[in-house]
Amino acid sequence: MSTTATPRRRLPFPRGRKPAPPARIRPDGSRDVELPLIEHLRELRSRLVKAALSVAVATVISFLFVEQTITLLLEPAGDVDFIAIAPTETFINYLKVAFYAGIAISMPLLVYQIFRFLAPGLTRTERRWVLLSLPAVTFLFVLGLVFCYSVLLRPALGFLLGFGSDRIVNMPSISLYLSFVTRFLLAVSIAFQTPVIVFLLSKLGVATPKRLAKFRRWAYVLAFVMAAIITPTPDPINQSFVAIPIILLYELGIIFARIGGRPRKPEAAA
């Protein structure tokens, strides 16, 4: 008695794996794949791990040159003697400075990881413009550091350390001083990203040059508010040193948006 084995039915995908979600073709030819929430969380975890590793490696490299970095940060204060209260305060502050320097060095990689996480939701043209803006992000970040260190930091420290009567001796803590200086430098450097942000908003279609120009008055007000938050001194001169470059960078972003902004569709213009 002969029996014939029934052929097995082959699965369209490997056992244990779910089929890939259907891809949606955009007008520019790129593919838009809808992923479930768990896949987005896994992608976010992967990007966060890579960002943390880049900061850790940059921090280790920065710690090798932390003595030179501390000397540069102390130089704008002039002939001021600093004190360390706790036995571990100096060592911890060296680690903090190395960590902040690691963030500054790895800033292009951090921005790239953010871009890679947001890339599936962008079109091919939008991804190209975001990638092309990464060198500008690095350049403006470094420019903000140099501007804050060479123009803003010394007058601000001169005002703060010289304020008070002759009976008060300024002997600031090294911990508080380094925290103030590093945060001040990072805040100004982030504020210098204004033209890139304005340009990308225009390229992504979120804002048009006309809308950005109408928002100019509020942008000026926000620039002085940001300057008041960033600048540690209450005098309007130092605040203007921060607000005026932000305003100029905003106007530069509007010019870039007019030159390379997304063209309007005929039906939208009608």
Foldseek 3Di string as FASTA:
>chain_A
DDDDDDDDDDDPDDPPDDDFADWDADPVGDTAGDDDPVVLVVLVVVLVVVLVVQLVVQLVVLLVVLVVVLVLLCVLLPPAAADADDPCLVVVLSSVVSSLRSCLVCVLVNQVSVLVSCVSVDDPVLSVLSVVCSVVLNVLLVVQLVCCSPPQPNVLSCPVLVDDDPVDHDHYHPNVSSVLSSQLSNLSSVLSCQLVVLQSCQARVVDALVRLVVCLVVQLVVLLVSLCVSRPDPDVVSSCSRSVSSSVSSVVSSVSSVVDGDDDDPVVVD
